[in-house]
Amino acid sequence: MDIKMNKRFEIKNLPDMNTIRNEVEKLVADLEIGQTLFLKEHGCRTEGEYKKKCMQSGHIMKHSHIGYNTWDTTKECAEKVYSELHKRGSYIDRFGFCLDTLMGLPEDMRAGQLIGTGLMMKNADEWKEIGRIVPVQPHCGDNMIGTLNGVKNTLSALRAGVTTIGNASHYYTYEWPGVDKEELRTIDTIKAIAIMGNFKEFGVIIHSNLDDGYGGQLNDLANLVGWAKIERYYCEELLNGGLGHCYGNLFSNPINRIIFNMAIWEMNPNHIPGSMVYGNTTEFGYDFEVNAGALGNYIVGDIITQKNIPTGHAIVPIPVSEAVRIPTAEEMVAAHLHVDKLMVKSAPCFSEFLNWDKIIAEKNLLVACGNLFFERVMNGLDGLGIDLEHPGEIMGAIKAIGPVQLEEYFGVGKADKAALRGRIPVKSTDAFKDLATKTNSIKVQIRGLKDSLTGTKVIVGTTDVHEFAKQMVKEILLEAGATVFDLGSTVSTAEVLDAIIETECKVVLISTYNGIAYSYGKELLEGMQKRNLKNIGVIMGGLLNEDLDGDELAEDVSGELRSLGINADNSAKDIVEAVKTFLN
């Protein structure tokens, strides 16, 4: 196999597993899991224990994410949502706390990093309070396991009573500009997972959102099922953890959500409950009424799944404002009340008339093909000399291979040179189909698109892990005949500046979704000035917001970006004309 390994460290230099296990034993020797108000109220030691009770009783858990960046505002939001839902006859079981990207770095590595819009846990007291605000179980998924600060964060969360902790998938995709400590990160991730494994018997769950990692970049749903098994292999069989998968951000088809859940549940021999099924956030835009329809569409499938094949996953009512700004407490409550009605009325009616034989047949196909993908990847790694008993070697090698080559060399779809990645998907992911549909719908609106940018060189990249919008714009530019240099995700301004010099591009397109739009744009322009790079056009799109005035809410900064000379029109169908304005 002619696989190109993009190694960032020497995999064989990792410590042996006996050494790592001995270090983990010392870390957990005196560790006691804290008790939250929620777990105390329900008489459970962990959320995993509570989830299993729900699976038996038929109760469907509900989840909301809180995205404020200060402790006081976070606390106020949690109290409002809980009390208002309780007052109106509804409920919520768990809150996800959006921790800032800086939480994934030790303090001595944070200098020079842009601060996002997430929450920073500053001390042990704040960690302890996370489960004492209201009787709703806290979930910590982002910037925990899979980072350079995973061990410290995991220990702090467990002491606070947080017993579902992620995000194992982040190891493959989340990055910090200018920070390249991949060997340390791999060791830290192994240790954090192993720490969780020490409490598996009590119901502690390792959370992994498949859409956040390489799973979200696979085009074939069958391969994604196999990818889930790969994560389960090294988390459970090698590190004794209990892995609970999350998915949903990139799933728009409610039936596919049912089928996929059934497939990964069948490949979950220990029946570790899932964390949550996230909302289909790629369907959400600037039209709140349309977003309400998207909410009703995806979540019916999730309700049906938990009613018929309970897997412990919480359902997630996404507020209609999610794609535009941080949702308010009132909008979170409204989303839950919307879903309550669907849970009582719509889902049971649809469930009765579904063709379950067809659904099961689709599930069986994904399971068979997923197992084949798993075997192919494992055999391929073995052929590359990777120790299949060392989780760090497996993770490091897979990260070096990347999602594109994983599908090209190990995918289970029929080989076809004309197909993307050389294979026809067994069952295309919704994200793959939705991207093609949206991109094509925009292409037909652009008059004279074909070859209209021939000879033009353009740089594209993202400030974070979200690549959907960037990929759509890239496809439009390629159709226009442009030469596109794709820098990938989590790109630093320094990397963009280097690329401008190397490629001699005159236009840069940046997609951003992590609340740093203005700071990033300003830093990029200042870097151009310092390097004497003149007449370079910058276009930014995505979620153009940031907390500029310290009021704890990220607001739209399109106007501020325009005042810097950056195009912030945020319109994919106008992207060709926007590029042309910088070429004159």
Foldseek 3Di string as FASTA:
>chain_A
DPFFFQFLDDLVPADDPVVLVVVLCVVCVPADFADFLQCVVVVALAVLVVLVVCLVVVDFAEEEEFFFAELVQSLVLVVLLQVVQVVVVHHHAEYEFFAWLCLLDDPVPCPPFDTFRGYDDDDLVSLLCPRYSDNHAYEYEPSAQLGLNNQVRLSSNRNNNRQEYDAPQVVQFWDTAPDRPNSSSLSSNLSNLLNQLVCVVRQREYEHECCLHLLVVAFFLLQSLLVLLVVCCCSPVQRNHHYAYEYELLAQALLVVLLSVVQNCVSRVVLRAHAAHEHNNVQADDDLVSLLVSQLRNVLSVLLNCNPPNSSHHYYQDFNCVQAWRDGSVSRNVSRVSVVVCNVPVSVVVSVPDPVVVSVVSSVVSNVQSVQLNVQLVVVCVVVVFDPSDVSSSVSRDSRSGSLNSCLRRNDAPADCVDRSRGDHPHTHSLNVVLVVVLVVLLVVAPPQALQQAPAEEEEEELGSDCSVVVSLVVSVVRNNYHYDYPYYNYALVNVVVVCVVVVHQEYEYEYDRACQLVRLVVNVVVCVVVVPPLRAYEYAGHQWHDDPPPRITHHCCVVSVVVVHHDPRDSSCVVVSSVVSVD
